Amino acid sequence: MSKTRLTAFAVKQGGVMAVSEPKILSEEETRNLESMIPELASGATYSAYVRALASGQSVVRVDGEQIIAKSADGSIRVVGQAKPRRKVKAGLAFHIGAADHVGT
């Protein structure tokens, strides 16, 4: 069974540095923690989007095949066209740009 080690970190308490002991995680614990990453990343991305708009900044994003800029006042303007997404089958090699010609 694979184990993951969490590194120890120091916490300053009343001028004294306390160091926690490293904890060994089981494979199941590691999988459970890793399964939370997509939701945490999505929440962080949305939070950054909202904070940017709240601070008066514009946010650029892709909406369908258009690149749009949304302003803090709610106005939207198209700034360009996005290339269509490319579907890729799992397990197949996929080369991008100059990598297609490497070694030929």
PDB file of N, CA and C in Angstrom:
ATOM      1  N   MET A   1       0.847  -1.186   0.000  1.00  0.00           N
ATOM      2  CA  MET A   1       0.000   0.000   0.000  1.00  0.00           C
ATOM      3  C   MET A   1       0.881   1.234   0.000  1.00  0.00           C
ATOM      4  N   SER A   2       0.594   2.158  -0.902  1.00  0.00           N
ATOM      5  CA  SER A   2       1.363   3.389  -1.007  1.00  0.00           C
ATOM      6  C   SER A   2       0.982   4.348   0.106  1.00  0.00           C
ATOM      7  N   LYS A   3       1.972   5.048   0.628  1.00  0.00           N
ATOM      8  CA  LYS A   3       1.729   6.036   1.684  1.00  0.00           C
ATOM      9  C   LYS A   3       2.260   7.378   1.223  1.00  0.00           C
ATOM     10  N   THR A   4       1.598   8.449   1.640  1.00  0.00           N
ATOM     11  CA  THR A   4       2.040   9.801   1.345  1.00  0.00           C
ATOM     12  C   THR A   4       2.394  10.471   2.649  1.00  0.00           C
ATOM     13  N   ARG A   5       3.522  11.171   2.676  1.00  0.00           N
ATOM     14  CA  ARG A   5       3.959  11.841   3.900  1.00  0.00           C
ATOM     15  C   ARG A   5       3.662  13.332   3.792  1.00  0.00           C
ATOM     16  N   LEU A   6       2.937  13.846   4.781  1.00  0.00           N
ATOM     17  CA  LEU A   6       2.737  15.284   4.870  1.00  0.00           C
ATOM     18  C   LEU A   6       3.938  15.854   5.593  1.00  0.00           C
ATOM     19  N   THR A   7       4.521  16.908   5.068  1.00  0.00           N
ATOM     20  CA  THR A   7       5.699  17.486   5.705  1.00  0.00           C
ATOM     21  C   THR A   7       5.320  18.269   6.943  1.00  0.00           C
ATOM     22  N   ALA A   8       6.220  18.302   7.886  1.00  0.00           N
ATOM     23  CA  ALA A   8       5.995  19.039   9.134  1.00  0.00           C
ATOM     24  C   ALA A   8       6.100  20.534   8.868  1.00  0.00           C
ATOM     25  N   PHE A   9       5.409  21.313   9.662  1.00  0.00           N
ATOM     26  CA  PHE A   9       5.517  22.757   9.546  1.00  0.00           C
ATOM     27  C   PHE A   9       5.570  23.349  10.943  1.00  0.00           C
ATOM     28  N   ALA A  10       6.121  24.544  11.035  1.00  0.00           N
ATOM     29  CA  ALA A  10       6.281  25.208  12.324  1.00  0.00           C
ATOM     30  C   ALA A  10       5.143  26.190  12.550  1.00  0.00           C
ATOM     31  N   VAL A  11       4.667  26.236  13.778  1.00  0.00           N
ATOM     32  CA  VAL A  11       3.618  27.166  14.164  1.00  0.00           C
ATOM     33  C   VAL A  11       4.141  27.971  15.342  1.00  0.00           C
ATOM     34  N   LYS A  12       4.098  29.284  15.221  1.00  0.00           N
ATOM     35  CA  LYS A  12       4.605  30.132  16.290  1.00  0.00           C
ATOM     36  C   LYS A  12       3.501  30.358  17.320  1.00  0.00           C
ATOM     37  N   GLN A  13       3.750  29.939  18.540  1.00  0.00           N
ATOM     38  CA  GLN A  13       2.782  30.095  19.621  1.00  0.00           C
ATOM     39  C   GLN A  13       3.470  30.742  20.807  1.00  0.00           C
ATOM     40  N   GLY A  14       3.125  31.979  21.095  1.00  0.00           N
ATOM     41  CA  GLY A  14       3.700  32.661  22.248  1.00  0.00           C
ATOM     42  C   GLY A  14       5.214  32.749  22.193  1.00  0.00           C
ATOM     43  N   GLY A  15       5.769  32.949  21.006  1.00  0.00           N
ATOM     44  CA  GLY A  15       7.210  33.081  20.875  1.00  0.00           C
ATOM     45  C   GLY A  15       7.949  31.757  20.796  1.00  0.00           C
ATOM     46  N   VAL A  16       7.247  30.633  20.908  1.00  0.00           N
ATOM     47  CA  VAL A  16       7.882  29.316  20.849  1.00  0.00           C
ATOM     48  C   VAL A  16       7.449  28.643  19.554  1.00  0.00           C
ATOM     49  N   MET A  17       8.400  28.048  18.849  1.00  0.00           N
ATOM     50  CA  MET A  17       8.093  27.363  17.606  1.00  0.00           C
ATOM     51  C   MET A  17       7.762  25.901  17.918  1.00  0.00           C
ATOM     52  N   ALA A  18       6.549  25.505  17.629  1.00  0.00           N
ATOM     53  CA  ALA A  18       6.141  24.121  17.810  1.00  0.00           C
ATOM     54  C   ALA A  18       6.139  23.452  16.444  1.00  0.00           C
ATOM     55  N   VAL A  19       6.718  22.294  16.334  1.00  0.00           N
ATOM     56  CA  VAL A  19       6.787  21.578  15.064  1.00  0.00           C
ATOM     57  C   VAL A  19       5.907  20.344  15.169  1.00  0.00           C
ATOM     58  N   SER A  20       4.992  20.205  14.205  1.00  0.00           N
ATOM     59  CA  SER A  20       4.126  19.031  14.217  1.00  0.00           C
ATOM     60  C   SER A  20       4.876  17.840  13.638  1.00  0.00           C
ATOM     61  N   GLU A  21       4.465  16.683  14.051  1.00  0.00           N
ATOM     62  CA  GLU A  21       5.063  15.449  13.538  1.00  0.00           C
ATOM     63  C   GLU A  21       4.504  15.158  12.148  1.00  0.00           C
ATOM     64  N   PRO A  22       5.334  14.641  11.244  1.00  0.00           N
ATOM     65  CA  PRO A  22       4.821  14.284   9.917  1.00  0.00           C
ATOM     66  C   PRO A  22       3.763  13.186  10.047  1.00  0.00           C
ATOM     67  N   LYS A  23       2.740  13.266   9.207  1.00  0.00           N
ATOM     68  CA  LYS A  23       1.679  12.274   9.230  1.00  0.00           C
ATOM     69  C   LYS A  23       1.729  11.460   7.945  1.00  0.00           C
ATOM     70  N   ILE A  24       1.663  10.176   8.078  1.00  0.00           N
ATOM     71  CA  ILE A  24       1.630   9.290   6.921  1.00  0.00           C
ATOM     72  C   ILE A  24       0.174   9.073   6.540  1.00  0.00           C
ATOM     73  N   LEU A  25      -0.154   9.368   5.275  1.00  0.00           N
ATOM     74  CA  LEU A  25      -1.518   9.186   4.797  1.00  0.00           C
ATOM     75  C   LEU A  25      -1.632   7.881   4.027  1.00  0.00           C
ATOM     76  N   SER A  26      -2.744   7.207   4.200  1.00  0.00           N
ATOM     77  CA  SER A  26      -2.989   5.992   3.429  1.00  0.00           C
ATOM     78  C   SER A  26      -3.352   6.380   1.999  1.00  0.00           C
ATOM     79  N   GLU A  27      -3.371   5.396   1.122  1.00  0.00           N
ATOM     80  CA  GLU A  27      -3.748   5.621  -0.271  1.00  0.00           C
ATOM     81  C   GLU A  27      -5.173   6.181  -0.339  1.00  0.00           C
ATOM     82  N   GLU A  28      -6.064   5.642   0.477  1.00  0.00           N
ATOM     83  CA  GLU A  28      -7.462   6.106   0.492  1.00  0.00           C
ATOM     84  C   GLU A  28      -7.559   7.559   0.965  1.00  0.00           C
ATOM     85  N   GLU A  29      -6.823   7.913   2.014  1.00  0.00           N
ATOM     86  CA  GLU A  29      -6.829   9.294   2.499  1.00  0.00           C
ATOM     87  C   GLU A  29      -6.288  10.245   1.435  1.00  0.00           C
ATOM     88  N   THR A  30      -5.227   9.817   0.766  1.00  0.00           N
ATOM     89  CA  THR A  30      -4.644  10.633  -0.301  1.00  0.00           C
ATOM     90  C   THR A  30      -5.644  10.827  -1.434  1.00  0.00           C
ATOM     91  N   ARG A  31      -6.312   9.743  -1.855  1.00  0.00           N
ATOM     92  CA  ARG A  31      -7.331   9.841  -2.917  1.00  0.00           C
ATOM     93  C   ARG A  31      -8.472  10.765  -2.505  1.00  0.00           C
ATOM     94  N   ASN A  32      -8.909  10.650  -1.245  1.00  0.00           N
ATOM     95  CA  ASN A  32      -9.999  11.515  -0.771  1.00  0.00           C
ATOM     96  C   ASN A  32      -9.591  12.981  -0.827  1.00  0.00           C
ATOM     97  N   LEU A  33      -8.374  13.287  -0.389  1.00  0.00           N
ATOM     98  CA  LEU A  33      -7.903  14.673  -0.439  1.00  0.00           C
ATOM     99  C   LEU A  33      -7.752  15.150  -1.882  1.00  0.00           C
ATOM    100  N   GLU A  34      -7.175  14.305  -2.740  1.00  0.00           N
ATOM    101  CA  GLU A  34      -6.983  14.682  -4.133  1.00  0.00           C
ATOM    102  C   GLU A  34      -8.308  14.866  -4.857  1.00  0.00           C
ATOM    103  N   SER A  35      -9.344  14.136  -4.451  1.00  0.00           N
ATOM    104  CA  SER A  35     -10.653  14.275  -5.105  1.00  0.00           C
ATOM    105  C   SER A  35     -11.272  15.635  -4.820  1.00  0.00           C
ATOM    106  N   MET A  36     -10.796  16.334  -3.805  1.00  0.00           N
ATOM    107  CA  MET A  36     -11.312  17.652  -3.457  1.00  0.00           C
ATOM    108  C   MET A  36     -10.695  18.763  -4.306  1.00  0.00           C
ATOM    109  N   ILE A  37      -9.591  18.475  -4.990  1.00  0.00           N
ATOM    110  CA  ILE A  37      -8.860  19.503  -5.731  1.00  0.00           C
ATOM    111  C   ILE A  37      -9.713  20.197  -6.801  1.00  0.00           C
ATOM    112  N   PRO A  38     -10.447  19.470  -7.664  1.00  0.00           N
ATOM    113  CA  PRO A  38     -11.233  20.174  -8.692  1.00  0.00           C
ATOM    114  C   PRO A  38     -12.239  21.164  -8.108  1.00  0.00           C
ATOM    115  N   GLU A  39     -12.944  20.773  -7.053  1.00  0.00           N
ATOM    116  CA  GLU A  39     -13.930  21.671  -6.451  1.00  0.00           C
ATOM    117  C   GLU A  39     -13.252  22.881  -5.811  1.00  0.00           C
ATOM    118  N   LEU A  40     -12.122  22.661  -5.130  1.00  0.00           N
ATOM    119  CA  LEU A  40     -11.391  23.774  -4.529  1.00  0.00           C
ATOM    120  C   LEU A  40     -10.866  24.726  -5.602  1.00  0.00           C
ATOM    121  N   ALA A  41     -10.347  24.172  -6.697  1.00  0.00           N
ATOM    122  CA  ALA A  41      -9.822  24.999  -7.788  1.00  0.00           C
ATOM    123  C   ALA A  41     -10.947  25.804  -8.433  1.00  0.00           C
ATOM    124  N   SER A  42     -12.093  25.181  -8.633  1.00  0.00           N
ATOM    125  CA  SER A  42     -13.236  25.880  -9.223  1.00  0.00           C
ATOM    126  C   SER A  42     -13.685  27.029  -8.326  1.00  0.00           C
ATOM    127  N   GLY A  43     -13.758  26.767  -7.027  1.00  0.00           N
ATOM    128  CA  GLY A  43     -14.151  27.815  -6.077  1.00  0.00           C
ATOM    129  C   GLY A  43     -13.163  28.965  -6.050  1.00  0.00           C
ATOM    130  N   ALA A  44     -11.874  28.634  -6.102  1.00  0.00           N
ATOM    131  CA  ALA A  44     -10.839  29.671  -6.087  1.00  0.00           C
ATOM    132  C   ALA A  44     -10.889  30.508  -7.363  1.00  0.00           C
ATOM    133  N   THR A  45     -11.136  29.863  -8.503  1.00  0.00           N
ATOM    134  CA  THR A  45     -11.230  30.572  -9.776  1.00  0.00           C
ATOM    135  C   THR A  45     -12.424  31.526  -9.770  1.00  0.00           C
ATOM    136  N   TYR A  46     -13.572  31.041  -9.316  1.00  0.00           N
ATOM    137  CA  TYR A  46     -14.761  31.891  -9.256  1.00  0.00           C
ATOM    138  C   TYR A  46     -14.547  33.049  -8.281  1.00  0.00           C
ATOM    139  N   SER A  47     -13.932  32.770  -7.147  1.00  0.00           N
ATOM    140  CA  SER A  47     -13.657  33.812  -6.154  1.00  0.00           C
ATOM    141  C   SER A  47     -12.757  34.899  -6.742  1.00  0.00           C
ATOM    142  N   ALA A  48     -11.724  34.499  -7.482  1.00  0.00           N
ATOM    143  CA  ALA A  48     -10.826  35.472  -8.113  1.00  0.00           C
ATOM    144  C   ALA A  48     -11.579  36.300  -9.154  1.00  0.00           C
ATOM    145  N   TYR A  49     -12.473  35.666  -9.896  1.00  0.00           N
ATOM    146  CA  TYR A  49     -13.293  36.346 -10.905  1.00  0.00           C
ATOM    147  C   TYR A  49     -14.154  37.429 -10.245  1.00  0.00           C
ATOM    148  N   VAL A  50     -14.835  37.058  -9.171  1.00  0.00           N
ATOM    149  CA  VAL A  50     -15.713  37.996  -8.468  1.00  0.00           C
ATOM    150  C   VAL A  50     -14.901  39.122  -7.828  1.00  0.00           C
ATOM    151  N   ARG A  51     -13.763  38.782  -7.215  1.00  0.00           N
ATOM    152  CA  ARG A  51     -12.921  39.809  -6.577  1.00  0.00           C
ATOM    153  C   ARG A  51     -12.398  40.799  -7.612  1.00  0.00           C
ATOM    154  N   ALA A  52     -12.015  40.303  -8.795  1.00  0.00           N
ATOM    155  CA  ALA A  52     -11.510  41.190  -9.844  1.00  0.00           C
ATOM    156  C   ALA A  52     -12.596  42.169 -10.274  1.00  0.00           C
ATOM    157  N   LEU A  53     -13.798  41.666 -10.498  1.00  0.00           N
ATOM    158  CA  LEU A  53     -14.896  42.554 -10.892  1.00  0.00           C
ATOM    159  C   LEU A  53     -15.237  43.537  -9.771  1.00  0.00           C
ATOM    160  N   ALA A  54     -15.236  43.062  -8.528  1.00  0.00           N
ATOM    161  CA  ALA A  54     -15.566  43.925  -7.386  1.00  0.00           C
ATOM    162  C   ALA A  54     -14.534  45.035  -7.189  1.00  0.00           C
ATOM    163  N   SER A  55     -13.298  44.788  -7.625  1.00  0.00           N
ATOM    164  CA  SER A  55     -12.253  45.804  -7.464  1.00  0.00           C
ATOM    165  C   SER A  55     -12.203  46.768  -8.652  1.00  0.00           C
ATOM    166  N   GLY A  56     -13.153  46.627  -9.587  1.00  0.00           N
ATOM    167  CA  GLY A  56     -13.224  47.557 -10.705  1.00  0.00           C
ATOM    168  C   GLY A  56     -12.445  47.119 -11.935  1.00  0.00           C
ATOM    169  N   GLN A  57     -11.894  45.920 -11.909  1.00  0.00           N
ATOM    170  CA  GLN A  57     -11.109  45.411 -13.040  1.00  0.00           C
ATOM    171  C   GLN A  57     -12.016  44.728 -14.054  1.00  0.00           C
ATOM    172  N   SER A  58     -11.526  44.573 -15.270  1.00  0.00           N
ATOM    173  CA  SER A  58     -12.218  43.789 -16.289  1.00  0.00           C
ATOM    174  C   SER A  58     -11.677  42.365 -16.235  1.00  0.00           C
ATOM    175  N   VAL A  59     -12.521  41.430 -16.636  1.00  0.00           N
ATOM    176  CA  VAL A  59     -12.133  40.019 -16.662  1.00  0.00           C
ATOM    177  C   VAL A  59     -12.309  39.515 -18.081  1.00  0.00           C
ATOM    178  N   VAL A  60     -11.292  38.841 -18.605  1.00  0.00           N
ATOM    179  CA  VAL A  60     -11.344  38.285 -19.958  1.00  0.00           C
ATOM    180  C   VAL A  60     -11.587  36.794 -19.832  1.00  0.00           C
ATOM    181  N   ARG A  61     -12.524  36.283 -20.609  1.00  0.00           N
ATOM    182  CA  ARG A  61     -12.853  34.854 -20.568  1.00  0.00           C
ATOM    183  C   ARG A  61     -13.332  34.394 -21.937  1.00  0.00           C
ATOM    184  N   VAL A  62     -13.436  33.102 -22.111  1.00  0.00           N
ATOM    185  CA  VAL A  62     -13.949  32.533 -23.353  1.00  0.00           C
ATOM    186  C   VAL A  62     -15.400  32.155 -23.128  1.00  0.00           C
ATOM    187  N   ASP A  63     -16.261  32.582 -24.037  1.00  0.00           N
ATOM    188  CA  ASP A  63     -17.674  32.255 -23.988  1.00  0.00           C
ATOM    189  C   ASP A  63     -18.035  31.687 -25.350  1.00  0.00           C
ATOM    190  N   GLY A  64     -18.198  30.387 -25.421  1.00  0.00           N
ATOM    191  CA  GLY A  64     -18.419  29.730 -26.711  1.00  0.00           C
ATOM    192  C   GLY A  64     -17.158  29.835 -27.547  1.00  0.00           C
ATOM    193  N   GLU A  65     -17.255  30.482 -28.696  1.00  0.00           N
ATOM    194  CA  GLU A  65     -16.080  30.673 -29.550  1.00  0.00           C
ATOM    195  C   GLU A  65     -15.635  32.129 -29.569  1.00  0.00           C
ATOM    196  N   GLN A  66     -16.087  32.903 -28.589  1.00  0.00           N
ATOM    197  CA  GLN A  66     -15.699  34.308 -28.509  1.00  0.00           C
ATOM    198  C   GLN A  66     -14.884  34.571 -27.247  1.00  0.00           C
ATOM    199  N   ILE A  67     -13.898  35.444 -27.377  1.00  0.00           N
ATOM    200  CA  ILE A  67     -13.147  35.919 -26.223  1.00  0.00           C
ATOM    201  C   ILE A  67     -13.800  37.244 -25.837  1.00  0.00           C
ATOM    202  N   ILE A  68     -14.304  37.299 -24.602  1.00  0.00           N
ATOM    203  CA  ILE A  68     -15.018  38.502 -24.181  1.00  0.00           C
ATOM    204  C   ILE A  68     -14.349  39.128 -22.960  1.00  0.00           C
ATOM    205  N   ALA A  69     -14.541  40.423 -22.831  1.00  0.00           N
ATOM    206  CA  ALA A  69     -14.071  41.150 -21.649  1.00  0.00           C
ATOM    207  C   ALA A  69     -15.303  41.664 -20.932  1.00  0.00           C
ATOM    208  N   LYS A  70     -15.438  41.298 -19.673  1.00  0.00           N
ATOM    209  CA  LYS A  70     -16.551  41.774 -18.867  1.00  0.00           C
ATOM    210  C   LYS A  70     -16.021  42.825 -17.906  1.00  0.00           C
ATOM    211  N   SER A  71     -16.647  43.990 -17.904  1.00  0.00           N
ATOM    212  CA  SER A  71     -16.233  45.088 -17.047  1.00  0.00           C
ATOM    213  C   SER A  71     -16.979  45.033 -15.719  1.00  0.00           C
ATOM    214  N   ALA A  72     -16.456  45.749 -14.747  1.00  0.00           N
ATOM    215  CA  ALA A  72     -17.074  45.787 -13.429  1.00  0.00           C
ATOM    216  C   ALA A  72     -18.490  46.344 -13.490  1.00  0.00           C
ATOM    217  N   ASP A  73     -18.776  47.204 -14.473  1.00  0.00           N
ATOM    218  CA  ASP A  73     -20.124  47.782 -14.595  1.00  0.00           C
ATOM    219  C   ASP A  73     -21.109  46.834 -15.277  1.00  0.00           C
ATOM    220  N   GLY A  74     -20.637  45.648 -15.665  1.00  0.00           N
ATOM    221  CA  GLY A  74     -21.493  44.643 -16.288  1.00  0.00           C
ATOM    222  C   GLY A  74     -21.466  44.643 -17.796  1.00  0.00           C
ATOM    223  N   SER A  75     -20.812  45.635 -18.402  1.00  0.00           N
ATOM    224  CA  SER A  75     -20.761  45.668 -19.867  1.00  0.00           C
ATOM    225  C   SER A  75     -19.828  44.578 -20.384  1.00  0.00           C
ATOM    226  N   ILE A  76     -20.178  44.083 -21.563  1.00  0.00           N
ATOM    227  CA  ILE A  76     -19.414  42.999 -22.188  1.00  0.00           C
ATOM    228  C   ILE A  76     -19.021  43.435 -23.585  1.00  0.00           C
ATOM    229  N   ARG A  77     -17.754  43.166 -23.964  1.00  0.00           N
ATOM    230  CA  ARG A  77     -17.338  43.445 -25.339  1.00  0.00           C
ATOM    231  C   ARG A  77     -16.522  42.265 -25.854  1.00  0.00           C
ATOM    232  N   VAL A  78     -16.719  41.963 -27.126  1.00  0.00           N
ATOM    233  CA  VAL A  78     -15.983  40.873 -27.772  1.00  0.00           C
ATOM    234  C   VAL A  78     -14.610  41.400 -28.148  1.00  0.00           C
ATOM    235  N   VAL A  79     -13.566  40.698 -27.718  1.00  0.00           N
ATOM    236  CA  VAL A  79     -12.202  41.136 -28.032  1.00  0.00           C
ATOM    237  C   VAL A  79     -11.518  40.230 -29.046  1.00  0.00           C
ATOM    238  N   GLY A  80     -12.155  39.117 -29.389  1.00  0.00           N
ATOM    239  CA  GLY A  80     -11.559  38.233 -30.377  1.00  0.00           C
ATOM    240  C   GLY A  80     -12.344  36.944 -30.537  1.00  0.00           C
ATOM    241  N   GLN A  81     -11.864  36.122 -31.442  1.00  0.00           N
ATOM    242  CA  GLN A  81     -12.460  34.816 -31.681  1.00  0.00           C
ATOM    243  C   GLN A  81     -11.525  33.747 -31.126  1.00  0.00           C
ATOM    244  N   ALA A  82     -12.097  32.775 -30.431  1.00  0.00           N
ATOM    245  CA  ALA A  82     -11.318  31.652 -29.920  1.00  0.00           C
ATOM    246  C   ALA A  82     -11.364  30.516 -30.934  1.00  0.00           C
ATOM    247  N   LYS A  83     -10.279  29.773 -31.018  1.00  0.00           N
ATOM    248  CA  LYS A  83     -10.280  28.610 -31.890  1.00  0.00           C
ATOM    249  C   LYS A  83     -11.165  27.543 -31.255  1.00  0.00           C
ATOM    250  N   PRO A  84     -11.866  26.763 -32.078  1.00  0.00           N
ATOM    251  CA  PRO A  84     -12.718  25.711 -31.516  1.00  0.00           C
ATOM    252  C   PRO A  84     -11.883  24.705 -30.725  1.00  0.00           C
ATOM    253  N   ARG A  85     -12.482  24.138 -29.707  1.00  0.00           N
ATOM    254  CA  ARG A  85     -11.791  23.127 -28.907  1.00  0.00           C
ATOM    255  C   ARG A  85     -11.599  21.880 -29.737  1.00  0.00           C
ATOM    256  N   ARG A  86     -10.538  21.161 -29.409  1.00  0.00           N
ATOM    257  CA  ARG A  86     -10.219  19.942 -30.123  1.00  0.00           C
ATOM    258  C   ARG A  86     -10.489  18.760 -29.205  1.00  0.00           C
ATOM    259  N   LYS A  87     -11.330  17.829 -29.646  1.00  0.00           N
ATOM    260  CA  LYS A  87     -11.609  16.653 -28.834  1.00  0.00           C
ATOM    261  C   LYS A  87     -10.485  15.643 -29.029  1.00  0.00           C
ATOM    262  N   VAL A  88     -10.069  15.050 -27.930  1.00  0.00           N
ATOM    263  CA  VAL A  88      -8.979  14.082 -27.953  1.00  0.00           C
ATOM    264  C   VAL A  88      -9.455  12.815 -27.264  1.00  0.00           C
ATOM    265  N   LYS A  89      -9.193  11.673 -27.864  1.00  0.00           N
ATOM    266  CA  LYS A  89      -9.554  10.402 -27.244  1.00  0.00           C
ATOM    267  C   LYS A  89      -8.500  10.018 -26.226  1.00  0.00           C
ATOM    268  N   ALA A  90      -8.943   9.492 -25.105  1.00  0.00           N
ATOM    269  CA  ALA A  90      -8.030   9.058 -24.050  1.00  0.00           C
ATOM    270  C   ALA A  90      -7.115   7.957 -24.582  1.00  0.00           C
ATOM    271  N   GLY A  91      -5.843   8.059 -24.241  1.00  0.00           N
ATOM    272  CA  GLY A  91      -4.874   7.039 -24.619  1.00  0.00           C
ATOM    273  C   GLY A  91      -4.176   7.280 -25.940  1.00  0.00           C
ATOM    274  N   LEU A  92      -4.601   8.274 -26.713  1.00  0.00           N
ATOM    275  CA  LEU A  92      -3.969   8.568 -27.993  1.00  0.00           C
ATOM    276  C   LEU A  92      -2.996   9.727 -27.836  1.00  0.00           C
ATOM    277  N   ALA A  93      -1.886   9.665 -28.567  1.00  0.00           N
ATOM    278  CA  ALA A  93      -0.901  10.748 -28.537  1.00  0.00           C
ATOM    279  C   ALA A  93      -1.477  11.966 -29.229  1.00  0.00           C
ATOM    280  N   PHE A  94      -1.180  13.126 -28.687  1.00  0.00           N
ATOM    281  CA  PHE A  94      -1.677  14.375 -29.244  1.00  0.00           C
ATOM    282  C   PHE A  94      -0.513  15.345 -29.286  1.00  0.00           C
ATOM    283  N   HIS A  95      -0.194  15.878 -30.463  1.00  0.00           N
ATOM    284  CA  HIS A  95       0.938  16.788 -30.628  1.00  0.00           C
ATOM    285  C   HIS A  95       0.424  18.174 -30.961  1.00  0.00           C
ATOM    286  N   ILE A  96       1.072  19.174 -30.405  1.00  0.00           N
ATOM    287  CA  ILE A  96       0.656  20.554 -30.606  1.00  0.00           C
ATOM    288  C   ILE A  96       1.750  21.325 -31.319  1.00  0.00           C
ATOM    289  N   GLY A  97       1.385  22.105 -32.329  1.00  0.00           N
ATOM    290  CA  GLY A  97       2.299  23.033 -32.988  1.00  0.00           C
ATOM    291  C   GLY A  97       3.565  22.401 -33.520  1.00  0.00           C
ATOM    292  N   ALA A  98       4.713  23.018 -33.180  1.00  0.00           N
ATOM    293  CA  ALA A  98       6.014  22.605 -33.704  1.00  0.00           C
ATOM    294  C   ALA A  98       6.363  21.175 -33.294  1.00  0.00           C
ATOM    295  N   ALA A  99       5.779  20.699 -32.231  1.00  0.00           N
ATOM    296  CA  ALA A  99       6.059  19.326 -31.778  1.00  0.00           C
ATOM    297  C   ALA A  99       5.664  18.313 -32.833  1.00  0.00           C
ATOM    298  N   ASP A 100       4.735  18.677 -33.757  1.00  0.00           N
ATOM    299  CA  ASP A 100       4.331  17.771 -34.825  1.00  0.00           C
ATOM    300  C   ASP A 100       5.480  17.444 -35.767  1.00  0.00           C
ATOM    301  N   HIS A 101       6.447  18.353 -35.857  1.00  0.00           N
ATOM    302  CA  HIS A 101       7.515  18.201 -36.832  1.00  0.00           C
ATOM    303  C   HIS A 101       8.848  17.797 -36.209  1.00  0.00           C
ATOM    304  N   VAL A 102       8.871  17.527 -34.921  1.00  0.00           N
ATOM    305  CA  VAL A 102      10.111  17.148 -34.256  1.00  0.00           C
ATOM    306  C   VAL A 102      10.579  15.801 -34.779  1.00  0.00           C
ATOM    307  N   GLY A 103      11.827  15.737 -35.174  1.00  0.00           N
ATOM    308  CA  GLY A 103      12.418  14.476 -35.632  1.00  0.00           C
ATOM    309  C   GLY A 103      12.072  14.109 -37.050  1.00  0.00           C
ATOM    310  N   THR A 104      11.438  14.990 -37.802  1.00  0.00           N
ATOM    311  CA  THR A 104      11.104  14.649 -39.194  1.00  0.00           C
ATOM    312  C   THR A 104      11.980  15.414 -40.129  1.00  0.00           C
TER     313      THR A 104
END
